[in-house]
Every structure is written in C-alpha cells, then in structure tokens.
Amino acid sequence: MYKAEVILASQLWDHRLVTFCVTFPRFILAEVNTHTILSKNSASSRAIPTEKILDQVRTNPFVPETFNARVTGMGIGEPLADQTGAREEWLAARDHAVEHAVRLMELGNDKSRVNRLLEPFMWHTVIVTATEWENFFGLRCNPQAQDEIRIPAEMAEEAYRKNVPTERQMHTPFFDEMDRDALADAIRDGIIEERPGMAAAISTARCARVSYLTHDGRRDFIEDIALHDRLLQSRHMSP
C-alpha cells in the first residue's frame, strides 16, 4: 500500500513545484506534518464513514514489515526471532480495536471519535506540494529514519529525480488537458456557467478528495466547484 506518485510537476519561473500523492501508515502523519515547508491536504478521519474504515482495516490493515527488538533512544534493534508471533499480536490488537469500534458505533457514537480507535491500523493518503524537497529527503531517506516514513520518502525521492517538470503558469493538480477540453465543451454546451478561476476551483476540490473522482466515483465539474465554494466559505484552506 505504500505509494508516492508525482501528480503534477511544474516549472514556474525559477521554481520547480511538485505535487505528490503519497500513501503511508496513518500514525506517521504526525511526523510528515513536522515538515512545515510542505503544503499538505489529506482525508480526515472525521470525514470518512466508520463502515468504510472498518472494511479497510479488516481486509487491508497496516502491519509493520518487521518487528524489531527494543533498544534505548530512538533507534530499533535487530529483527525479532519470532516475527510470526509479533504479527499475530499486532493483528489481535487490530481485532480488539475493530470490536470496540463496532460497539461504540452501535451505541450511536459519531465517527470522529470511533474512527480514532482504528488509526494505528489505517493507511492514509495525502497530497503534498512544495518547491523545496532536499531537507525532507535528507532527513527521511536515511537509514536512521523510521521504516514507515523512510519507505514512502525513498519512493518519492526516486520519482522526483526521474521527473522532468513542465513549464506552465498555473499549477493545477488533478486538472489536466483532457479536463480543460471537457470543461470547455461543458461551457459551450450550456451544462455549466463559465466563471473566473474554474480550473483552480476544480483542482482544489480534487485535492480535498485526494482524487479526480467524486466520492461516488464520478468526474463532475459542477460538484467539484460546489465543494470548492463550500471549502472557501467555511475557511477550510488547506486544499
């Protein structure tokens, strides 16, 4: 489930601006958020239905690739001899978290509380944009970094080194030339009314969803712009 994909790379005057879509274990988000030079947006545990998270945690939970011995300080020791036993304990903890999350849900608790119990076992996808990446790569693509952040960081660095940015005047992740042509057709056919900044609005909404698609799996310019307007009105500015 680890992923680091370049969504858009732009050469804007003297700056190389790159947007990634990165997937990593949910509990690593706090570490990623310490890098304040990176602009980030990701799906909130408060927003996703508990049923959907339960399905993911049951069928595809995050499980560490290795379990290591305890040592002093921030490091980790050698891999444990009993990897199978450690994995079974981890999954048993997952089962208990699922059980109690279901009980809380049945009592009528809201998802913003219930979903928190499941976070150690969740995968998380985030949109990350920045012009300066060397410090992040230097710190996180490092043998001393925790595996769960080192693995996606190394994937991101490899994608970054291979990528060649395109010169453009506006950086709009999730809004490409095909969308531009389709939007022009929709305006021409009277399906949607033209207004300033439509490409940026659509890109913003899709960054908020972390996807080209609406939550029910469709590309819909009208819904994209409506979501952008709701985010702007409520001052939800990270997307």
C-alpha atoms as a PDB file:
ATOM      1  CA  MET A   1       0.000   0.000   0.000  1.00  0.00           C
ATOM      2  CA  TYR A   2       2.990   2.366   0.162  1.00  0.00           C
ATOM      3  CA  LYS A   3       2.806   4.811  -2.727  1.00  0.00           C
ATOM      4  CA  ALA A   4       4.499   8.020  -3.855  1.00  0.00           C
ATOM      5  CA  GLU A   5       3.275   9.292  -7.223  1.00  0.00           C
ATOM      6  CA  VAL A   6       4.018  12.625  -8.877  1.00  0.00           C
ATOM      7  CA  ILE A   7       0.625  14.121  -9.712  1.00  0.00           C
ATOM      8  CA  LEU A   8       1.989  17.302 -11.296  1.00  0.00           C
ATOM      9  CA  ALA A   9       5.413  18.892 -11.657  1.00  0.00           C
ATOM     10  CA  SER A  10       5.596  22.478 -12.874  1.00  0.00           C
ATOM     11  CA  GLN A  11       8.434  24.825 -13.700  1.00  0.00           C
ATOM     12  CA  LEU A  12       7.167  28.210 -12.557  1.00  0.00           C
ATOM     13  CA  TRP A  13       9.817  30.813 -13.362  1.00  0.00           C
ATOM     14  CA  ASP A  14      12.789  29.799 -11.167  1.00  0.00           C
ATOM     15  CA  HIS A  15      10.837  27.312  -9.070  1.00  0.00           C
ATOM     16  CA  ARG A  16      10.171  23.610  -9.525  1.00  0.00           C
ATOM     17  CA  LEU A  17       6.801  22.991  -7.899  1.00  0.00           C
ATOM     18  CA  VAL A  18       5.904  19.320  -7.390  1.00  0.00           C
ATOM     19  CA  THR A  19       2.721  17.728  -6.077  1.00  0.00           C
ATOM     20  CA  PHE A  20       2.808  14.135  -4.840  1.00  0.00           C
ATOM     21  CA  CYS A  21       0.087  11.719  -3.850  1.00  0.00           C
ATOM     22  CA  VAL A  22       1.627   9.652  -1.042  1.00  0.00           C
ATOM     23  CA  THR A  23       0.233   6.717   0.934  1.00  0.00           C
ATOM     24  CA  PHE A  24       1.725   5.613   4.245  1.00  0.00           C
ATOM     25  CA  PRO A  25       0.559   4.332   7.673  1.00  0.00           C
ATOM     26  CA  ARG A  26      -1.831   6.785   9.333  1.00  0.00           C
ATOM     27  CA  PHE A  27       0.216   7.133  12.513  1.00  0.00           C
ATOM     28  CA  ILE A  28       3.126   8.604  10.512  1.00  0.00           C
ATOM     29  CA  LEU A  29       1.045  11.668   9.552  1.00  0.00           C
ATOM     30  CA  ALA A  30       2.245  13.495  12.662  1.00  0.00           C
ATOM     31  CA  GLU A  31       5.851  13.029  11.509  1.00  0.00           C
ATOM     32  CA  VAL A  32       5.048  14.268   7.996  1.00  0.00           C
ATOM     33  CA  ASN A  33       3.300  17.312   9.463  1.00  0.00           C
ATOM     34  CA  THR A  34       6.501  18.424  11.198  1.00  0.00           C
ATOM     35  CA  HIS A  35       7.792  19.426   7.744  1.00  0.00           C
ATOM     36  CA  THR A  36       6.054  22.789   7.578  1.00  0.00           C
ATOM     37  CA  ILE A  37       7.659  23.727   4.255  1.00  0.00           C
ATOM     38  CA  LEU A  38       5.466  21.040   2.655  1.00  0.00           C
ATOM     39  CA  SER A  39       1.881  22.045   1.889  1.00  0.00           C
ATOM     40  CA  LYS A  40      -0.400  19.118   2.702  1.00  0.00           C
ATOM     41  CA  ASN A  41      -4.009  18.014   2.472  1.00  0.00           C
ATOM     42  CA  SER A  42      -5.468  14.618   3.245  1.00  0.00           C
ATOM     43  CA  ALA A  43      -8.726  12.929   4.058  1.00  0.00           C
ATOM     44  CA  SER A  44      -9.755  13.404   7.675  1.00  0.00           C
ATOM     45  CA  SER A  45     -10.582  10.516   9.976  1.00  0.00           C
ATOM     46  CA  ARG A  46     -13.599  12.606  10.969  1.00  0.00           C
ATOM     47  CA  ALA A  47     -14.939  12.672   7.423  1.00  0.00           C
ATOM     48  CA  ILE A  48     -14.747   9.026   6.353  1.00  0.00           C
ATOM     49  CA  PRO A  49     -17.677   6.763   7.332  1.00  0.00           C
ATOM     50  CA  THR A  50     -16.717   4.271  10.041  1.00  0.00           C
ATOM     51  CA  GLU A  51     -18.085   1.424   7.944  1.00  0.00           C
ATOM     52  CA  LYS A  52     -15.619   2.226   5.167  1.00  0.00           C
ATOM     53  CA  ILE A  53     -12.671   2.395   7.554  1.00  0.00           C
ATOM     54  CA  LEU A  54     -13.723  -0.850   9.248  1.00  0.00           C
ATOM     55  CA  ASP A  55     -13.751  -2.585   5.870  1.00  0.00           C
ATOM     56  CA  GLN A  56     -10.247  -1.325   5.079  1.00  0.00           C
ATOM     57  CA  VAL A  57      -8.845  -2.235   8.497  1.00  0.00           C
ATOM     58  CA  ARG A  58     -10.358  -5.724   8.319  1.00  0.00           C
ATOM     59  CA  THR A  59      -9.207  -6.528   4.792  1.00  0.00           C
ATOM     60  CA  ASN A  60      -6.018  -4.493   4.330  1.00  0.00           C
ATOM     61  CA  PRO A  61      -4.647  -3.239   7.640  1.00  0.00           C
ATOM     62  CA  PHE A  62      -1.269  -1.658   8.072  1.00  0.00           C
ATOM     63  CA  VAL A  63       1.122  -4.223   9.558  1.00  0.00           C
ATOM     64  CA  PRO A  64       4.829  -3.416  10.099  1.00  0.00           C
ATOM     65  CA  GLU A  65       7.107  -5.166   7.635  1.00  0.00           C
ATOM     66  CA  THR A  66       9.358  -6.249  10.501  1.00  0.00           C
ATOM     67  CA  PHE A  67       9.149  -6.262  14.287  1.00  0.00           C
ATOM     68  CA  ASN A  68      12.398  -5.274  15.986  1.00  0.00           C
ATOM     69  CA  ALA A  69      13.965  -5.571  19.399  1.00  0.00           C
ATOM     70  CA  ARG A  70      13.668  -2.738  21.902  1.00  0.00           C
ATOM     71  CA  VAL A  71      16.744  -0.557  22.418  1.00  0.00           C
ATOM     72  CA  THR A  72      17.470   2.688  24.244  1.00  0.00           C
ATOM     73  CA  GLY A  73      16.899   6.001  22.488  1.00  0.00           C
ATOM     74  CA  MET A  74      15.001   6.453  19.222  1.00  0.00           C
ATOM     75  CA  GLY A  75      16.545   3.563  17.307  1.00  0.00           C
ATOM     76  CA  ILE A  76      15.381  -0.004  16.875  1.00  0.00           C
ATOM     77  CA  GLY A  77      17.256  -3.226  17.361  1.00  0.00           C
ATOM     78  CA  GLU A  78      17.627  -6.339  15.266  1.00  0.00           C
ATOM     79  CA  PRO A  79      14.514  -8.080  13.912  1.00  0.00           C
ATOM     80  CA  LEU A  80      12.820 -10.311  16.471  1.00  0.00           C
ATOM     81  CA  ALA A  81      13.276 -14.027  16.086  1.00  0.00           C
ATOM     82  CA  ASP A  82       9.517 -14.605  16.403  1.00  0.00           C
ATOM     83  CA  GLN A  83       8.153 -12.424  13.600  1.00  0.00           C
ATOM     84  CA  THR A  84       5.051 -14.598  13.284  1.00  0.00           C
ATOM     85  CA  GLY A  85       4.169 -14.207  16.954  1.00  0.00           C
ATOM     86  CA  ALA A  86       4.632 -10.438  16.822  1.00  0.00           C
ATOM     87  CA  ARG A  87       2.473 -10.168  13.717  1.00  0.00           C
ATOM     88  CA  GLU A  88      -0.260 -12.236  15.363  1.00  0.00           C
ATOM     89  CA  GLU A  89      -0.236  -9.931  18.394  1.00  0.00           C
ATOM     90  CA  TRP A  90      -0.498  -6.885  16.133  1.00  0.00           C
ATOM     91  CA  LEU A  91      -3.478  -8.366  14.308  1.00  0.00           C
ATOM     92  CA  ALA A  92      -5.067  -9.367  17.612  1.00  0.00           C
ATOM     93  CA  ALA A  93      -4.837  -5.720  18.676  1.00  0.00           C
ATOM     94  CA  ARG A  94      -6.488  -4.823  15.341  1.00  0.00           C
ATOM     95  CA  ASP A  95      -9.318  -7.269  16.075  1.00  0.00           C
ATOM     96  CA  HIS A  96      -9.908  -5.734  19.529  1.00  0.00           C
ATOM     97  CA  ALA A  97      -9.916  -2.216  18.064  1.00  0.00           C
ATOM     98  CA  VAL A  98     -12.461  -3.281  15.435  1.00  0.00           C
ATOM     99  CA  GLU A  99     -14.624  -4.958  18.071  1.00  0.00           C
ATOM    100  CA  HIS A 100     -14.752  -1.894  20.289  1.00  0.00           C
ATOM    101  CA  ALA A 101     -15.225   0.470  17.348  1.00  0.00           C
ATOM    102  CA  VAL A 102     -18.275  -1.556  16.278  1.00  0.00           C
ATOM    103  CA  ARG A 103     -19.677  -1.443  19.813  1.00  0.00           C
ATOM    104  CA  LEU A 104     -19.241   2.319  20.017  1.00  0.00           C
ATOM    105  CA  MET A 105     -20.858   2.716  16.593  1.00  0.00           C
ATOM    106  CA  GLU A 106     -23.825   0.583  17.686  1.00  0.00           C
ATOM    107  CA  LEU A 107     -24.220   2.860  20.717  1.00  0.00           C
ATOM    108  CA  GLY A 108     -24.614   5.746  18.289  1.00  0.00           C
ATOM    109  CA  ASN A 109     -21.210   7.410  18.740  1.00  0.00           C
ATOM    110  CA  ASP A 110     -20.067   9.792  15.999  1.00  0.00           C
ATOM    111  CA  LYS A 111     -17.334   8.757  13.584  1.00  0.00           C
ATOM    112  CA  SER A 112     -14.926  11.477  14.729  1.00  0.00           C
ATOM    113  CA  ARG A 113     -14.468   9.506  17.969  1.00  0.00           C
ATOM    114  CA  VAL A 114     -14.958   5.939  16.802  1.00  0.00           C
ATOM    115  CA  ASN A 115     -12.559   6.179  13.868  1.00  0.00           C
ATOM    116  CA  ARG A 116      -9.693   7.242  16.137  1.00  0.00           C
ATOM    117  CA  LEU A 117      -9.552   3.737  17.629  1.00  0.00           C
ATOM    118  CA  LEU A 118      -8.711   2.354  14.191  1.00  0.00           C
ATOM    119  CA  GLU A 119      -5.952   4.789  13.196  1.00  0.00           C
ATOM    120  CA  PRO A 120      -2.940   2.596  14.152  1.00  0.00           C
ATOM    121  CA  PHE A 121      -4.103   0.072  11.558  1.00  0.00           C
ATOM    122  CA  MET A 122      -5.125   2.504   8.794  1.00  0.00           C
ATOM    123  CA  TRP A 123      -3.370   3.506   5.593  1.00  0.00           C
ATOM    124  CA  HIS A 124      -3.506   7.212   4.827  1.00  0.00           C
ATOM    125  CA  THR A 125      -3.217   9.145   1.565  1.00  0.00           C
ATOM    126  CA  VAL A 126      -2.035  12.741   1.472  1.00  0.00           C
ATOM    127  CA  ILE A 127      -1.476  15.339  -1.237  1.00  0.00           C
ATOM    128  CA  VAL A 128       1.875  17.066  -0.670  1.00  0.00           C
ATOM    129  CA  THR A 129       3.125  20.093  -2.616  1.00  0.00           C
ATOM    130  CA  ALA A 130       6.392  22.008  -2.281  1.00  0.00           C
ATOM    131  CA  THR A 131       9.237  23.715  -4.103  1.00  0.00           C
ATOM    132  CA  GLU A 132      11.892  22.626  -1.572  1.00  0.00           C
ATOM    133  CA  TRP A 133      12.363  18.888  -1.066  1.00  0.00           C
ATOM    134  CA  GLU A 134      16.041  18.344  -0.257  1.00  0.00           C
ATOM    135  CA  ASN A 135      15.697  18.712   3.515  1.00  0.00           C
ATOM    136  CA  PHE A 136      12.824  16.232   3.635  1.00  0.00           C
ATOM    137  CA  PHE A 137      14.715  13.709   1.515  1.00  0.00           C
ATOM    138  CA  GLY A 138      17.880  14.222   3.540  1.00  0.00           C
ATOM    139  CA  LEU A 139      16.144  13.533   6.845  1.00  0.00           C
ATOM    140  CA  ARG A 140      13.703  10.823   5.831  1.00  0.00           C
ATOM    141  CA  CYS A 141      15.590   8.878   3.139  1.00  0.00           C
ATOM    142  CA  ASN A 142      18.012   7.890   5.833  1.00  0.00           C
ATOM    143  CA  PRO A 143      18.762   4.520   7.439  1.00  0.00           C
ATOM    144  CA  GLN A 144      18.073   6.078  10.845  1.00  0.00           C
ATOM    145  CA  ALA A 145      14.560   7.166   9.848  1.00  0.00           C
ATOM    146  CA  GLN A 146      11.638   5.006  10.914  1.00  0.00           C
ATOM    147  CA  ASP A 147      10.757   2.490   8.204  1.00  0.00           C
ATOM    148  CA  GLU A 148       7.176   3.694   7.876  1.00  0.00           C
ATOM    149  CA  ILE A 149       8.311   7.162   6.770  1.00  0.00           C
ATOM    150  CA  ARG A 150      11.585   6.131   5.119  1.00  0.00           C
ATOM    151  CA  ILE A 151       9.914   3.780   2.625  1.00  0.00           C
ATOM    152  CA  PRO A 152       7.498   6.338   1.078  1.00  0.00           C
ATOM    153  CA  ALA A 153      10.191   9.059   1.283  1.00  0.00           C
ATOM    154  CA  GLU A 154      12.586   6.933  -0.781  1.00  0.00           C
ATOM    155  CA  MET A 155       9.816   6.227  -3.277  1.00  0.00           C
ATOM    156  CA  ALA A 156       9.089   9.963  -3.511  1.00  0.00           C
ATOM    157  CA  GLU A 157      12.757  10.839  -3.978  1.00  0.00           C
ATOM    158  CA  GLU A 158      13.131   8.309  -6.791  1.00  0.00           C
ATOM    159  CA  ALA A 159      10.032   9.686  -8.537  1.00  0.00           C
ATOM    160  CA  TYR A 160      11.284  13.258  -8.017  1.00  0.00           C
ATOM    161  CA  ARG A 161      14.711  12.520  -9.533  1.00  0.00           C
ATOM    162  CA  LYS A 162      13.176  10.839 -12.586  1.00  0.00           C
ATOM    163  CA  ASN A 163      10.549  13.524 -13.188  1.00  0.00           C
ATOM    164  CA  VAL A 164      11.029  16.449 -15.587  1.00  0.00           C
ATOM    165  CA  PRO A 165       8.765  19.421 -14.783  1.00  0.00           C
ATOM    166  CA  THR A 166       6.762  21.203 -17.458  1.00  0.00           C
ATOM    167  CA  GLU A 167       6.821  24.978 -17.840  1.00  0.00           C
ATOM    168  CA  ARG A 168       3.388  26.422 -17.048  1.00  0.00           C
ATOM    169  CA  GLN A 169       1.800  29.477 -15.491  1.00  0.00           C
ATOM    170  CA  MET A 170      -0.722  27.707 -13.249  1.00  0.00           C
ATOM    171  CA  HIS A 171      -0.189  24.583 -11.146  1.00  0.00           C
ATOM    172  CA  THR A 172      -3.469  22.629 -11.015  1.00  0.00           C
ATOM    173  CA  PRO A 173      -3.081  19.060  -9.701  1.00  0.00           C
ATOM    174  CA  PHE A 174      -5.816  16.666 -10.842  1.00  0.00           C
ATOM    175  CA  PHE A 175      -6.832  19.053 -13.649  1.00  0.00           C
ATOM    176  CA  ASP A 176      -5.186  18.118 -16.946  1.00  0.00           C
ATOM    177  CA  GLU A 177      -5.588  18.932 -20.636  1.00  0.00           C
ATOM    178  CA  MET A 178      -8.367  16.376 -21.019  1.00  0.00           C
ATOM    179  CA  ASP A 179     -10.263  18.128 -18.236  1.00  0.00           C
ATOM    180  CA  ARG A 180      -9.587  21.516 -19.823  1.00  0.00           C
ATOM    181  CA  ASP A 181     -11.107  20.356 -23.121  1.00  0.00           C
ATOM    182  CA  ALA A 182     -14.070  18.698 -21.374  1.00  0.00           C
ATOM    183  CA  LEU A 183     -14.717  21.832 -19.324  1.00  0.00           C
ATOM    184  CA  ALA A 184     -14.647  23.990 -22.470  1.00  0.00           C
ATOM    185  CA  ASP A 185     -17.193  21.633 -24.072  1.00  0.00           C
ATOM    186  CA  ALA A 186     -19.436  21.773 -20.995  1.00  0.00           C
ATOM    187  CA  ILE A 187     -19.350  25.589 -21.022  1.00  0.00           C
ATOM    188  CA  ARG A 188     -20.051  25.712 -24.755  1.00  0.00           C
ATOM    189  CA  ASP A 189     -22.995  23.308 -24.399  1.00  0.00           C
ATOM    190  CA  GLY A 190     -24.501  25.289 -21.528  1.00  0.00           C
ATOM    191  CA  ILE A 191     -24.033  22.495 -18.999  1.00  0.00           C
ATOM    192  CA  ILE A 192     -22.026  24.725 -16.695  1.00  0.00           C
ATOM    193  CA  GLU A 193     -21.735  28.505 -16.460  1.00  0.00           C
ATOM    194  CA  GLU A 194     -18.288  29.988 -17.033  1.00  0.00           C
ATOM    195  CA  ARG A 195     -16.664  31.963 -14.239  1.00  0.00           C
ATOM    196  CA  PRO A 196     -13.098  33.043 -13.364  1.00  0.00           C
ATOM    197  CA  GLY A 197     -10.754  30.541 -11.763  1.00  0.00           C
ATOM    198  CA  MET A 198     -12.615  27.361 -12.672  1.00  0.00           C
ATOM    199  CA  ALA A 199      -9.502  25.246 -13.189  1.00  0.00           C
ATOM    200  CA  ALA A 200      -8.154  26.250  -9.776  1.00  0.00           C
ATOM    201  CA  ALA A 201     -11.520  25.567  -8.132  1.00  0.00           C
ATOM    202  CA  ILE A 202     -11.778  22.098  -9.654  1.00  0.00           C
ATOM    203  CA  SER A 203      -8.180  21.289  -8.736  1.00  0.00           C
ATOM    204  CA  THR A 204      -8.811  22.446  -5.162  1.00  0.00           C
ATOM    205  CA  ALA A 205     -11.842  20.193  -4.755  1.00  0.00           C
ATOM    206  CA  ARG A 206      -9.997  17.190  -6.125  1.00  0.00           C
ATOM    207  CA  CYS A 207      -7.066  17.806  -3.800  1.00  0.00           C
ATOM    208  CA  ALA A 208      -9.577  17.881  -0.947  1.00  0.00           C
ATOM    209  CA  ARG A 209     -10.902  14.479  -2.014  1.00  0.00           C
ATOM    210  CA  VAL A 210      -7.398  13.237  -2.884  1.00  0.00           C
ATOM    211  CA  SER A 211      -8.843  12.064  -6.195  1.00  0.00           C
ATOM    212  CA  TYR A 212     -10.004  13.056  -9.655  1.00  0.00           C
ATOM    213  CA  LEU A 213     -13.352  11.489  -8.769  1.00  0.00           C
ATOM    214  CA  THR A 214     -16.233  12.485  -6.526  1.00  0.00           C
ATOM    215  CA  HIS A 215     -16.869  10.288  -3.500  1.00  0.00           C
ATOM    216  CA  ASP A 216     -19.286   8.161  -5.530  1.00  0.00           C
ATOM    217  CA  GLY A 217     -16.752   7.612  -8.314  1.00  0.00           C
ATOM    218  CA  ARG A 218     -17.667  10.194 -10.977  1.00  0.00           C
ATOM    219  CA  ARG A 219     -15.889  13.124 -12.625  1.00  0.00           C
ATOM    220  CA  ASP A 220     -18.265  16.038 -12.095  1.00  0.00           C
ATOM    221  CA  PHE A 221     -17.189  19.647 -12.630  1.00  0.00           C
ATOM    222  CA  ILE A 222     -20.347  21.031 -11.012  1.00  0.00           C
ATOM    223  CA  GLU A 223     -19.794  19.034  -7.819  1.00  0.00           C
ATOM    224  CA  ASP A 224     -16.104  19.963  -7.835  1.00  0.00           C
ATOM    225  CA  ILE A 225     -16.846  23.688  -7.977  1.00  0.00           C
ATOM    226  CA  ALA A 226     -19.589  23.385  -5.354  1.00  0.00           C
ATOM    227  CA  LEU A 227     -17.156  21.627  -2.998  1.00  0.00           C
ATOM    228  CA  HIS A 228     -14.539  24.329  -3.622  1.00  0.00           C
ATOM    229  CA  ASP A 229     -17.090  27.011  -2.727  1.00  0.00           C
ATOM    230  CA  ARG A 230     -18.089  25.228   0.489  1.00  0.00           C
ATOM    231  CA  LEU A 231     -14.446  24.867   1.500  1.00  0.00           C
ATOM    232  CA  LEU A 232     -13.784  28.550   0.818  1.00  0.00           C
ATOM    233  CA  GLN A 233     -16.903  29.702   2.660  1.00  0.00           C
ATOM    234  CA  SER A 234     -16.005  27.616   5.724  1.00  0.00           C
ATOM    235  CA  ARG A 235     -12.346  28.795   5.561  1.00  0.00           C
ATOM    236  CA  HIS A 236     -11.112  25.230   5.132  1.00  0.00           C
ATOM    237  CA  MET A 237      -7.983  26.454   3.379  1.00  0.00           C
ATOM    238  CA  SER A 238      -5.538  23.523   3.271  1.00  0.00           C
ATOM    239  CA  PRO A 239      -6.839  22.142  -0.077  1.00  0.00           C
END
